[in-house]
Amino acid sequence: MDPKDLHARQDRVQLVDVREAEEWHAGRIPGSRWIPMGELGDRLDELDADQPVVTVCRSGGRSGKMADFLTERGYRAQTMEGGIQAWADAGLSVQAPDDEQPGKVT
């Protein structure tokens, strides 16, 4: 999914950030849920199987694998093209987890 399309539909999908802790703490997409790639299999119960899922990472590689992983388990999942880097390049907001300051892509 294109970043601008995701932004327009964000209230209708579960946005799951699969990056590592240092990446998440540097900056995130507002409204995203953080489930690191290595924990996703153990945390599937946190996702609503009836709602579409969009996964995101830095550039799209890891999140693509996780979208495939979810699809194989019956979720309607896709990745955001280009990751959070493409989101930021599109001029969309990246925030630090405390929402006190603008975040950055690492």
PDB file of N, CA and C in Angstrom:
ATOM      1  N   MET A   1       0.853  -1.169   0.000  1.00  0.00           N
ATOM      2  CA  MET A   1       0.000   0.000   0.000  1.00  0.00           C
ATOM      3  C   MET A   1       0.903   1.238   0.000  1.00  0.00           C
ATOM      4  N   ASP A   2       0.544   2.202  -0.766  1.00  0.00           N
ATOM      5  CA  ASP A   2       1.252   3.475  -0.855  1.00  0.00           C
ATOM      6  C   ASP A   2       1.066   4.263   0.454  1.00  0.00           C
ATOM      7  N   PRO A   3       2.103   4.990   0.926  1.00  0.00           N
ATOM      8  CA  PRO A   3       1.975   5.743   2.181  1.00  0.00           C
ATOM      9  C   PRO A   3       0.784   6.704   2.215  1.00  0.00           C
ATOM     10  N   LYS A   4       0.529   7.415   1.147  1.00  0.00           N
ATOM     11  CA  LYS A   4      -0.589   8.362   1.154  1.00  0.00           C
ATOM     12  C   LYS A   4      -1.935   7.637   1.185  1.00  0.00           C
ATOM     13  N   ASP A   5      -2.022   6.470   0.513  1.00  0.00           N
ATOM     14  CA  ASP A   5      -3.243   5.662   0.594  1.00  0.00           C
ATOM     15  C   ASP A   5      -3.457   5.170   2.015  1.00  0.00           C
ATOM     16  N   LEU A   6      -2.366   4.712   2.644  1.00  0.00           N
ATOM     17  CA  LEU A   6      -2.471   4.252   4.024  1.00  0.00           C
ATOM     18  C   LEU A   6      -2.921   5.386   4.936  1.00  0.00           C
ATOM     19  N   HIS A   7      -2.341   6.550   4.761  1.00  0.00           N
ATOM     20  CA  HIS A   7      -2.726   7.696   5.588  1.00  0.00           C
ATOM     21  C   HIS A   7      -4.222   7.965   5.469  1.00  0.00           C
ATOM     22  N   ALA A   8      -4.748   7.878   4.260  1.00  0.00           N
ATOM     23  CA  ALA A   8      -6.176   8.125   4.036  1.00  0.00           C
ATOM     24  C   ALA A   8      -7.060   7.034   4.631  1.00  0.00           C
ATOM     25  N   ARG A   9      -6.533   5.819   4.775  1.00  0.00           N
ATOM     26  CA  ARG A   9      -7.320   4.671   5.264  1.00  0.00           C
ATOM     27  C   ARG A   9      -6.921   4.227   6.666  1.00  0.00           C
ATOM     28  N   GLN A  10      -6.067   4.967   7.313  1.00  0.00           N
ATOM     29  CA  GLN A  10      -5.476   4.505   8.567  1.00  0.00           C
ATOM     30  C   GLN A  10      -6.505   4.156   9.631  1.00  0.00           C
ATOM     31  N   ASP A  11      -7.651   4.795   9.611  1.00  0.00           N
ATOM     32  CA  ASP A  11      -8.680   4.498  10.613  1.00  0.00           C
ATOM     33  C   ASP A  11      -9.412   3.185  10.329  1.00  0.00           C
ATOM     34  N   ARG A  12      -9.113   2.553   9.194  1.00  0.00           N
ATOM     35  CA  ARG A  12      -9.799   1.305   8.832  1.00  0.00           C
ATOM     36  C   ARG A  12      -8.871   0.093   8.794  1.00  0.00           C
ATOM     37  N   VAL A  13      -7.615   0.277   9.208  1.00  0.00           N
ATOM     38  CA  VAL A  13      -6.654  -0.823   9.220  1.00  0.00           C
ATOM     39  C   VAL A  13      -5.906  -0.855  10.546  1.00  0.00           C
ATOM     40  N   GLN A  14      -5.310  -1.993  10.815  1.00  0.00           N
ATOM     41  CA  GLN A  14      -4.401  -2.126  11.946  1.00  0.00           C
ATOM     42  C   GLN A  14      -2.997  -1.925  11.400  1.00  0.00           C
ATOM     43  N   LEU A  15      -2.334  -0.867  11.817  1.00  0.00           N
ATOM     44  CA  LEU A  15      -0.998  -0.570  11.349  1.00  0.00           C
ATOM     45  C   LEU A  15       0.000  -1.124  12.359  1.00  0.00           C
ATOM     46  N   VAL A  16       0.801  -2.092  11.928  1.00  0.00           N
ATOM     47  CA  VAL A  16       1.739  -2.771  12.814  1.00  0.00           C
ATOM     48  C   VAL A  16       3.166  -2.476  12.379  1.00  0.00           C
ATOM     49  N   ASP A  17       3.912  -1.847  13.268  1.00  0.00           N
ATOM     50  CA  ASP A  17       5.322  -1.514  13.049  1.00  0.00           C
ATOM     51  C   ASP A  17       6.151  -2.682  13.564  1.00  0.00           C
ATOM     52  N   VAL A  18       6.925  -3.306  12.681  1.00  0.00           N
ATOM     53  CA  VAL A  18       7.688  -4.511  13.048  1.00  0.00           C
ATOM     54  C   VAL A  18       9.173  -4.223  13.268  1.00  0.00           C
ATOM     55  N   ARG A  19       9.550  -2.955  13.369  1.00  0.00           N
ATOM     56  CA  ARG A  19      10.955  -2.603  13.534  1.00  0.00           C
ATOM     57  C   ARG A  19      11.454  -2.909  14.951  1.00  0.00           C
ATOM     58  N   GLU A  20      12.757  -2.755  15.135  1.00  0.00           N
ATOM     59  CA  GLU A  20      13.391  -2.994  16.425  1.00  0.00           C
ATOM     60  C   GLU A  20      13.224  -1.789  17.349  1.00  0.00           C
ATOM     61  N   ALA A  21      13.531  -1.988  18.618  1.00  0.00           N
ATOM     62  CA  ALA A  21      13.289  -0.978  19.655  1.00  0.00           C
ATOM     63  C   ALA A  21      13.932   0.369  19.342  1.00  0.00           C
ATOM     64  N   GLU A  22      15.195   0.385  18.946  1.00  0.00           N
ATOM     65  CA  GLU A  22      15.862   1.660  18.710  1.00  0.00           C
ATOM     66  C   GLU A  22      15.224   2.421  17.550  1.00  0.00           C
ATOM     67  N   GLU A  23      14.719   1.690  16.563  1.00  0.00           N
ATOM     68  CA  GLU A  23      14.033   2.331  15.439  1.00  0.00           C
ATOM     69  C   GLU A  23      12.702   2.922  15.893  1.00  0.00           C
ATOM     70  N   TRP A  24      11.940   2.136  16.658  1.00  0.00           N
ATOM     71  CA  TRP A  24      10.638   2.570  17.169  1.00  0.00           C
ATOM     72  C   TRP A  24      10.782   3.808  18.043  1.00  0.00           C
ATOM     73  N   HIS A  25      11.770   3.796  18.935  1.00  0.00           N
ATOM     74  CA  HIS A  25      11.944   4.908  19.866  1.00  0.00           C
ATOM     75  C   HIS A  25      12.418   6.183  19.175  1.00  0.00           C
ATOM     76  N   ALA A  26      13.063   6.048  18.033  1.00  0.00           N
ATOM     77  CA  ALA A  26      13.499   7.236  17.280  1.00  0.00           C
ATOM     78  C   ALA A  26      12.309   7.939  16.640  1.00  0.00           C
ATOM     79  N   GLY A  27      11.361   7.171  16.111  1.00  0.00           N
ATOM     80  CA  GLY A  27      10.195   7.766  15.473  1.00  0.00           C
ATOM     81  C   GLY A  27       9.263   6.717  14.938  1.00  0.00           C
ATOM     82  N   ARG A  28       7.979   7.032  14.951  1.00  0.00           N
ATOM     83  CA  ARG A  28       6.950   6.087  14.526  1.00  0.00           C
ATOM     84  C   ARG A  28       5.841   6.821  13.804  1.00  0.00           C
ATOM     85  N   ILE A  29       5.016   6.064  13.120  1.00  0.00           N
ATOM     86  CA  ILE A  29       3.825   6.617  12.484  1.00  0.00           C
ATOM     87  C   ILE A  29       2.755   6.735  13.568  1.00  0.00           C
ATOM     88  N   PRO A  30       2.191   7.924  13.758  1.00  0.00           N
ATOM     89  CA  PRO A  30       1.145   8.072  14.772  1.00  0.00           C
ATOM     90  C   PRO A  30       0.024   7.052  14.556  1.00  0.00           C
ATOM     91  N   GLY A  31      -0.381   6.426  15.634  1.00  0.00           N
ATOM     92  CA  GLY A  31      -1.458   5.446  15.576  1.00  0.00           C
ATOM     93  C   GLY A  31      -1.008   4.030  15.289  1.00  0.00           C
ATOM     94  N   SER A  32       0.281   3.839  15.050  1.00  0.00           N
ATOM     95  CA  SER A  32       0.762   2.483  14.778  1.00  0.00           C
ATOM     96  C   SER A  32       0.944   1.709  16.077  1.00  0.00           C
ATOM     97  N   ARG A  33       0.913   0.405  15.951  1.00  0.00           N
ATOM     98  CA  ARG A  33       1.125  -0.506  17.076  1.00  0.00           C
ATOM     99  C   ARG A  33       2.492  -1.139  16.878  1.00  0.00           C
ATOM    100  N   TRP A  34       3.278  -1.204  17.925  1.00  0.00           N
ATOM    101  CA  TRP A  34       4.625  -1.764  17.834  1.00  0.00           C
ATOM    102  C   TRP A  34       4.624  -3.222  18.256  1.00  0.00           C
ATOM    103  N   ILE A  35       4.892  -4.097  17.300  1.00  0.00           N
ATOM    104  CA  ILE A  35       5.114  -5.518  17.568  1.00  0.00           C
ATOM    105  C   ILE A  35       6.357  -5.894  16.765  1.00  0.00           C
ATOM    106  N   PRO A  36       7.528  -5.957  17.422  1.00  0.00           N
ATOM    107  CA  PRO A  36       8.754  -6.282  16.689  1.00  0.00           C
ATOM    108  C   PRO A  36       8.633  -7.586  15.909  1.00  0.00           C
ATOM    109  N   MET A  37       9.310  -7.636  14.790  1.00  0.00           N
ATOM    110  CA  MET A  37       9.269  -8.787  13.888  1.00  0.00           C
ATOM    111  C   MET A  37       9.443 -10.113  14.638  1.00  0.00           C
ATOM    112  N   GLY A  38      10.396 -10.172  15.532  1.00  0.00           N
ATOM    113  CA  GLY A  38      10.673 -11.407  16.255  1.00  0.00           C
ATOM    114  C   GLY A  38       9.604 -11.807  17.249  1.00  0.00           C
ATOM    115  N   GLU A  39       8.678 -10.909  17.552  1.00  0.00           N
ATOM    116  CA  GLU A  39       7.617 -11.199  18.521  1.00  0.00           C
ATOM    117  C   GLU A  39       6.254 -11.421  17.887  1.00  0.00           C
ATOM    118  N   LEU A  40       6.137 -11.141  16.606  1.00  0.00           N
ATOM    119  CA  LEU A  40       4.819 -11.164  15.968  1.00  0.00           C
ATOM    120  C   LEU A  40       4.120 -12.514  16.115  1.00  0.00           C
ATOM    121  N   GLY A  41       4.841 -13.595  15.908  1.00  0.00           N
ATOM    122  CA  GLY A  41       4.230 -14.919  16.011  1.00  0.00           C
ATOM    123  C   GLY A  41       3.628 -15.204  17.373  1.00  0.00           C
ATOM    124  N   ASP A  42       4.245 -14.685  18.425  1.00  0.00           N
ATOM    125  CA  ASP A  42       3.756 -14.895  19.789  1.00  0.00           C
ATOM    126  C   ASP A  42       2.691 -13.896  20.202  1.00  0.00           C
ATOM    127  N   ARG A  43       2.460 -12.873  19.390  1.00  0.00           N
ATOM    128  CA  ARG A  43       1.529 -11.806  19.781  1.00  0.00           C
ATOM    129  C   ARG A  43       0.350 -11.657  18.815  1.00  0.00           C
ATOM    130  N   LEU A  44       0.069 -12.707  18.059  1.00  0.00           N
ATOM    131  CA  LEU A  44      -1.046 -12.647  17.105  1.00  0.00           C
ATOM    132  C   LEU A  44      -2.377 -12.350  17.771  1.00  0.00           C
ATOM    133  N   ASP A  45      -2.518 -12.743  19.045  1.00  0.00           N
ATOM    134  CA  ASP A  45      -3.771 -12.497  19.753  1.00  0.00           C
ATOM    135  C   ASP A  45      -4.048 -11.004  19.964  1.00  0.00           C
ATOM    136  N   GLU A  46      -3.065 -10.158  19.715  1.00  0.00           N
ATOM    137  CA  GLU A  46      -3.252  -8.713  19.836  1.00  0.00           C
ATOM    138  C   GLU A  46      -3.880  -8.107  18.579  1.00  0.00           C
ATOM    139  N   LEU A  47      -3.990  -8.897  17.535  1.00  0.00           N
ATOM    140  CA  LEU A  47      -4.553  -8.418  16.277  1.00  0.00           C
ATOM    141  C   LEU A  47      -5.958  -8.961  16.081  1.00  0.00           C
ATOM    142  N   ASP A  48      -6.804  -8.143  15.481  1.00  0.00           N
ATOM    143  CA  ASP A  48      -8.166  -8.542  15.154  1.00  0.00           C
ATOM    144  C   ASP A  48      -8.142  -9.213  13.774  1.00  0.00           C
ATOM    145  N   ALA A  49      -8.417 -10.492  13.739  1.00  0.00           N
ATOM    146  CA  ALA A  49      -8.369 -11.250  12.488  1.00  0.00           C
ATOM    147  C   ALA A  49      -9.414 -10.782  11.478  1.00  0.00           C
ATOM    148  N   ASP A  50     -10.405 -10.017  11.922  1.00  0.00           N
ATOM    149  CA  ASP A  50     -11.451  -9.531  11.027  1.00  0.00           C
ATOM    150  C   ASP A  50     -11.123  -8.175  10.400  1.00  0.00           C
ATOM    151  N   GLN A  51     -10.036  -7.555  10.819  1.00  0.00           N
ATOM    152  CA  GLN A  51      -9.654  -6.242  10.307  1.00  0.00           C
ATOM    153  C   GLN A  51      -8.366  -6.347   9.493  1.00  0.00           C
ATOM    154  N   PRO A  52      -8.260  -5.621   8.388  1.00  0.00           N
ATOM    155  CA  PRO A  52      -7.033  -5.644   7.594  1.00  0.00           C
ATOM    156  C   PRO A  52      -5.835  -5.159   8.414  1.00  0.00           C
ATOM    157  N   VAL A  53      -4.682  -5.712   8.089  1.00  0.00           N
ATOM    158  CA  VAL A  53      -3.435  -5.346   8.749  1.00  0.00           C
ATOM    159  C   VAL A  53      -2.473  -4.795   7.697  1.00  0.00           C
ATOM    160  N   VAL A  54      -1.798  -3.710   8.032  1.00  0.00           N
ATOM    161  CA  VAL A  54      -0.734  -3.180   7.190  1.00  0.00           C
ATOM    162  C   VAL A  54       0.526  -3.169   8.051  1.00  0.00           C
ATOM    163  N   THR A  55       1.579  -3.817   7.569  1.00  0.00           N
ATOM    164  CA  THR A  55       2.832  -3.858   8.297  1.00  0.00           C
ATOM    165  C   THR A  55       3.780  -2.805   7.745  1.00  0.00           C
ATOM    166  N   VAL A  56       4.665  -2.307   8.619  1.00  0.00           N
ATOM    167  CA  VAL A  56       5.629  -1.289   8.223  1.00  0.00           C
ATOM    168  C   VAL A  56       6.964  -1.545   8.914  1.00  0.00           C
ATOM    169  N   CYS A  57       8.036  -1.273   8.192  1.00  0.00           N
ATOM    170  CA  CYS A  57       9.389  -1.293   8.742  1.00  0.00           C
ATOM    171  C   CYS A  57      10.102  -0.064   8.185  1.00  0.00           C
ATOM    172  N   ARG A  58      11.418  -0.089   8.119  1.00  0.00           N
ATOM    173  CA  ARG A  58      12.145   1.084   7.618  1.00  0.00           C
ATOM    174  C   ARG A  58      11.937   1.286   6.125  1.00  0.00           C
ATOM    175  N   SER A  59      12.114   0.198   5.335  1.00  0.00           N
ATOM    176  CA  SER A  59      12.048   0.377   3.883  1.00  0.00           C
ATOM    177  C   SER A  59      11.127  -0.611   3.171  1.00  0.00           C
ATOM    178  N   GLY A  60      10.559  -1.564   3.877  1.00  0.00           N
ATOM    179  CA  GLY A  60       9.588  -2.475   3.279  1.00  0.00           C
ATOM    180  C   GLY A  60       9.978  -3.929   3.227  1.00  0.00           C
ATOM    181  N   GLY A  61      11.241  -4.270   3.426  1.00  0.00           N
ATOM    182  CA  GLY A  61      11.676  -5.664   3.343  1.00  0.00           C
ATOM    183  C   GLY A  61      11.147  -6.536   4.459  1.00  0.00           C
ATOM    184  N   ARG A  62      11.408  -6.154   5.686  1.00  0.00           N
ATOM    185  CA  ARG A  62      10.943  -6.944   6.838  1.00  0.00           C
ATOM    186  C   ARG A  62       9.428  -6.964   6.915  1.00  0.00           C
ATOM    187  N   SER A  63       8.818  -5.827   6.661  1.00  0.00           N
ATOM    188  CA  SER A  63       7.355  -5.772   6.756  1.00  0.00           C
ATOM    189  C   SER A  63       6.695  -6.609   5.662  1.00  0.00           C
ATOM    190  N   GLY A  64       7.334  -6.727   4.513  1.00  0.00           N
ATOM    191  CA  GLY A  64       6.809  -7.598   3.463  1.00  0.00           C
ATOM    192  C   GLY A  64       6.786  -9.044   3.909  1.00  0.00           C
ATOM    193  N   LYS A  65       7.854  -9.479   4.562  1.00  0.00           N
ATOM    194  CA  LYS A  65       7.903 -10.845   5.095  1.00  0.00           C
ATOM    195  C   LYS A  65       6.830 -11.065   6.151  1.00  0.00           C
ATOM    196  N   MET A  66       6.606 -10.044   6.984  1.00  0.00           N
ATOM    197  CA  MET A  66       5.614 -10.183   8.047  1.00  0.00           C
ATOM    198  C   MET A  66       4.195 -10.136   7.484  1.00  0.00           C
ATOM    199  N   ALA A  67       3.967  -9.382   6.422  1.00  0.00           N
ATOM    200  CA  ALA A  67       2.652  -9.394   5.771  1.00  0.00           C
ATOM    201  C   ALA A  67       2.389 -10.787   5.197  1.00  0.00           C
ATOM    202  N   ASP A  68       3.399 -11.394   4.584  1.00  0.00           N
ATOM    203  CA  ASP A  68       3.249 -12.765   4.074  1.00  0.00           C
ATOM    204  C   ASP A  68       2.964 -13.738   5.214  1.00  0.00           C
ATOM    205  N   PHE A  69       3.690 -13.600   6.311  1.00  0.00           N
ATOM    206  CA  PHE A  69       3.508 -14.437   7.500  1.00  0.00           C
ATOM    207  C   PHE A  69       2.054 -14.358   7.984  1.00  0.00           C
ATOM    208  N   LEU A  70       1.529 -13.139   8.073  1.00  0.00           N
ATOM    209  CA  LEU A  70       0.154 -12.951   8.533  1.00  0.00           C
ATOM    210  C   LEU A  70      -0.852 -13.517   7.535  1.00  0.00           C
ATOM    211  N   THR A  71      -0.618 -13.298   6.247  1.00  0.00           N
ATOM    212  CA  THR A  71      -1.513 -13.815   5.210  1.00  0.00           C
ATOM    213  C   THR A  71      -1.599 -15.335   5.282  1.00  0.00           C
ATOM    214  N   GLU A  72      -0.470 -15.987   5.505  1.00  0.00           N
ATOM    215  CA  GLU A  72      -0.449 -17.448   5.629  1.00  0.00           C
ATOM    216  C   GLU A  72      -1.255 -17.933   6.823  1.00  0.00           C
ATOM    217  N   ARG A  73      -1.508 -17.061   7.776  1.00  0.00           N
ATOM    218  CA  ARG A  73      -2.268 -17.414   8.973  1.00  0.00           C
ATOM    219  C   ARG A  73      -3.703 -16.887   8.927  1.00  0.00           C
ATOM    220  N   GLY A  74      -4.137 -16.468   7.761  1.00  0.00           N
ATOM    221  CA  GLY A  74      -5.535 -16.097   7.569  1.00  0.00           C
ATOM    222  C   GLY A  74      -5.861 -14.624   7.715  1.00  0.00           C
ATOM    223  N   TYR A  75      -4.877 -13.782   7.953  1.00  0.00           N
ATOM    224  CA  TYR A  75      -5.124 -12.340   8.048  1.00  0.00           C
ATOM    225  C   TYR A  75      -5.129 -11.723   6.660  1.00  0.00           C
ATOM    226  N   ARG A  76      -5.866 -10.644   6.495  1.00  0.00           N
ATOM    227  CA  ARG A  76      -5.787  -9.833   5.279  1.00  0.00           C
ATOM    228  C   ARG A  76      -4.690  -8.814   5.530  1.00  0.00           C
ATOM    229  N   ALA A  77      -3.496  -9.113   5.044  1.00  0.00           N
ATOM    230  CA  ALA A  77      -2.338  -8.281   5.377  1.00  0.00           C
ATOM    231  C   ALA A  77      -1.594  -7.851   4.128  1.00  0.00           C
ATOM    232  N   GLN A  78      -1.029  -6.670   4.219  1.00  0.00           N
ATOM    233  CA  GLN A  78      -0.148  -6.154   3.177  1.00  0.00           C
ATOM    234  C   GLN A  78       0.873  -5.238   3.832  1.00  0.00           C
ATOM    235  N   THR A  79       1.892  -4.904   3.088  1.00  0.00           N
ATOM    236  CA  THR A  79       2.925  -4.016   3.599  1.00  0.00           C
ATOM    237  C   THR A  79       2.761  -2.618   3.020  1.00  0.00           C
ATOM    238  N   MET A  80       3.300  -1.648   3.735  1.00  0.00           N
ATOM    239  CA  MET A  80       3.332  -0.299   3.193  1.00  0.00           C
ATOM    240  C   MET A  80       4.592  -0.173   2.343  1.00  0.00           C
ATOM    241  N   GLU A  81       4.412   0.172   1.101  1.00  0.00           N
ATOM    242  CA  GLU A  81       5.517   0.286   0.148  1.00  0.00           C
ATOM    243  C   GLU A  81       6.527   1.328   0.615  1.00  0.00           C
ATOM    244  N   GLY A  82       7.796   0.941   0.644  1.00  0.00           N
ATOM    245  CA  GLY A  82       8.854   1.881   0.981  1.00  0.00           C
ATOM    246  C   GLY A  82       9.051   2.145   2.453  1.00  0.00           C
ATOM    247  N   GLY A  83       8.220   1.557   3.294  1.00  0.00           N
ATOM    248  CA  GLY A  83       8.368   1.681   4.733  1.00  0.00           C
ATOM    249  C   GLY A  83       8.206   3.091   5.270  1.00  0.00           C
ATOM    250  N   ILE A  84       8.622   3.249   6.517  1.00  0.00           N
ATOM    251  CA  ILE A  84       8.481   4.548   7.178  1.00  0.00           C
ATOM    252  C   ILE A  84       9.327   5.610   6.489  1.00  0.00           C
ATOM    253  N   GLN A  85      10.366   5.171   5.799  1.00  0.00           N
ATOM    254  CA  GLN A  85      11.172   6.129   5.053  1.00  0.00           C
ATOM    255  C   GLN A  85      10.331   6.788   3.955  1.00  0.00           C
ATOM    256  N   ALA A  86       9.535   6.004   3.231  1.00  0.00           N
ATOM    257  CA  ALA A  86       8.662   6.555   2.192  1.00  0.00           C
ATOM    258  C   ALA A  86       7.564   7.421   2.811  1.00  0.00           C
ATOM    259  N   TRP A  87       7.074   7.015   3.986  1.00  0.00           N
ATOM    260  CA  TRP A  87       6.069   7.802   4.708  1.00  0.00           C
ATOM    261  C   TRP A  87       6.620   9.200   4.995  1.00  0.00           C
ATOM    262  N   ALA A  88       7.829   9.254   5.550  1.00  0.00           N
ATOM    263  CA  ALA A  88       8.452  10.548   5.867  1.00  0.00           C
ATOM    264  C   ALA A  88       8.740  11.344   4.598  1.00  0.00           C
ATOM    265  N   ASP A  89       9.217  10.656   3.553  1.00  0.00           N
ATOM    266  CA  ASP A  89       9.507  11.335   2.285  1.00  0.00           C
ATOM    267  C   ASP A  89       8.251  11.928   1.662  1.00  0.00           C
ATOM    268  N   ALA A  90       7.081  11.352   1.970  1.00  0.00           N
ATOM    269  CA  ALA A  90       5.810  11.870   1.455  1.00  0.00           C
ATOM    270  C   ALA A  90       5.313  13.062   2.281  1.00  0.00           C
ATOM    271  N   GLY A  91       6.084  13.460   3.299  1.00  0.00           N
ATOM    272  CA  GLY A  91       5.703  14.605   4.120  1.00  0.00           C
ATOM    273  C   GLY A  91       4.715  14.284   5.216  1.00  0.00           C
ATOM    274  N   LEU A  92       4.545  12.993   5.510  1.00  0.00           N
ATOM    275  CA  LEU A  92       3.606  12.585   6.552  1.00  0.00           C
ATOM    276  C   LEU A  92       4.319  12.562   7.899  1.00  0.00           C
ATOM    277  N   SER A  93       3.572  12.733   8.959  1.00  0.00           N
ATOM    278  CA  SER A  93       4.118  12.910  10.296  1.00  0.00           C
ATOM    279  C   SER A  93       4.815  11.654  10.839  1.00  0.00           C
ATOM    280  N   VAL A  94       5.991  11.872  11.407  1.00  0.00           N
ATOM    281  CA  VAL A  94       6.712  10.846  12.159  1.00  0.00           C
ATOM    282  C   VAL A  94       6.911  11.429  13.552  1.00  0.00           C
ATOM    283  N   GLN A  95       6.477  10.693  14.577  1.00  0.00           N
ATOM    284  CA  GLN A  95       6.551  11.204  15.936  1.00  0.00           C
ATOM    285  C   GLN A  95       7.369  10.280  16.828  1.00  0.00           C
ATOM    286  N   ALA A  96       7.977  10.883  17.846  1.00  0.00           N
ATOM    287  CA  ALA A  96       8.616  10.092  18.892  1.00  0.00           C
ATOM    288  C   ALA A  96       7.503   9.445  19.714  1.00  0.00           C
ATOM    289  N   PRO A  97       7.767   8.302  20.352  1.00  0.00           N
ATOM    290  CA  PRO A  97       6.707   7.629  21.114  1.00  0.00           C
ATOM    291  C   PRO A  97       6.048   8.481  22.186  1.00  0.00           C
ATOM    292  N   ASP A  98       6.770   9.465  22.731  1.00  0.00           N
ATOM    293  CA  ASP A  98       6.162  10.309  23.757  1.00  0.00           C
ATOM    294  C   ASP A  98       5.322  11.440  23.160  1.00  0.00           C
ATOM    295  N   ASP A  99       5.306  11.541  21.838  1.00  0.00           N
ATOM    296  CA  ASP A  99       4.539  12.571  21.121  1.00  0.00           C
ATOM    297  C   ASP A  99       4.941  14.000  21.481  1.00  0.00           C
ATOM    298  N   GLU A 100       6.023  14.172  22.230  1.00  0.00           N
ATOM    299  CA  GLU A 100       6.459  15.491  22.638  1.00  0.00           C
ATOM    300  C   GLU A 100       7.282  16.194  21.573  1.00  0.00           C
ATOM    301  N   GLN A 101       7.877  15.421  20.707  1.00  0.00           N
ATOM    302  CA  GLN A 101       8.782  16.002  19.711  1.00  0.00           C
ATOM    303  C   GLN A 101       8.636  15.253  18.390  1.00  0.00           C
ATOM    304  N   PRO A 102       9.010  15.891  17.305  1.00  0.00           N
ATOM    305  CA  PRO A 102       8.993  15.152  16.040  1.00  0.00           C
ATOM    306  C   PRO A 102       9.983  13.985  16.113  1.00  0.00           C
ATOM    307  N   GLY A 103       9.600  12.881  15.547  1.00  0.00           N
ATOM    308  CA  GLY A 103      10.483  11.730  15.505  1.00  0.00           C
ATOM    309  C   GLY A 103      11.339  11.762  14.254  1.00  0.00           C
ATOM    310  N   LYS A 104      12.205  10.763  14.135  1.00  0.00           N
ATOM    311  CA  LYS A 104      13.049  10.661  12.957  1.00  0.00           C
ATOM    312  C   LYS A 104      13.117   9.206  12.528  1.00  0.00           C
ATOM    313  N   VAL A 105      13.456   8.999  11.284  1.00  0.00           N
ATOM    314  CA  VAL A 105      13.585   7.656  10.737  1.00  0.00           C
ATOM    315  C   VAL A 105      15.040   7.232  10.908  1.00  0.00           C
ATOM    316  N   THR A 106      15.234   6.075  11.545  1.00  0.00           N
ATOM    317  CA  THR A 106      16.601   5.561  11.705  1.00  0.00           C
ATOM    318  C   THR A 106      16.729   4.219  11.044  1.00  0.00           C
TER     319      THR A 106
END
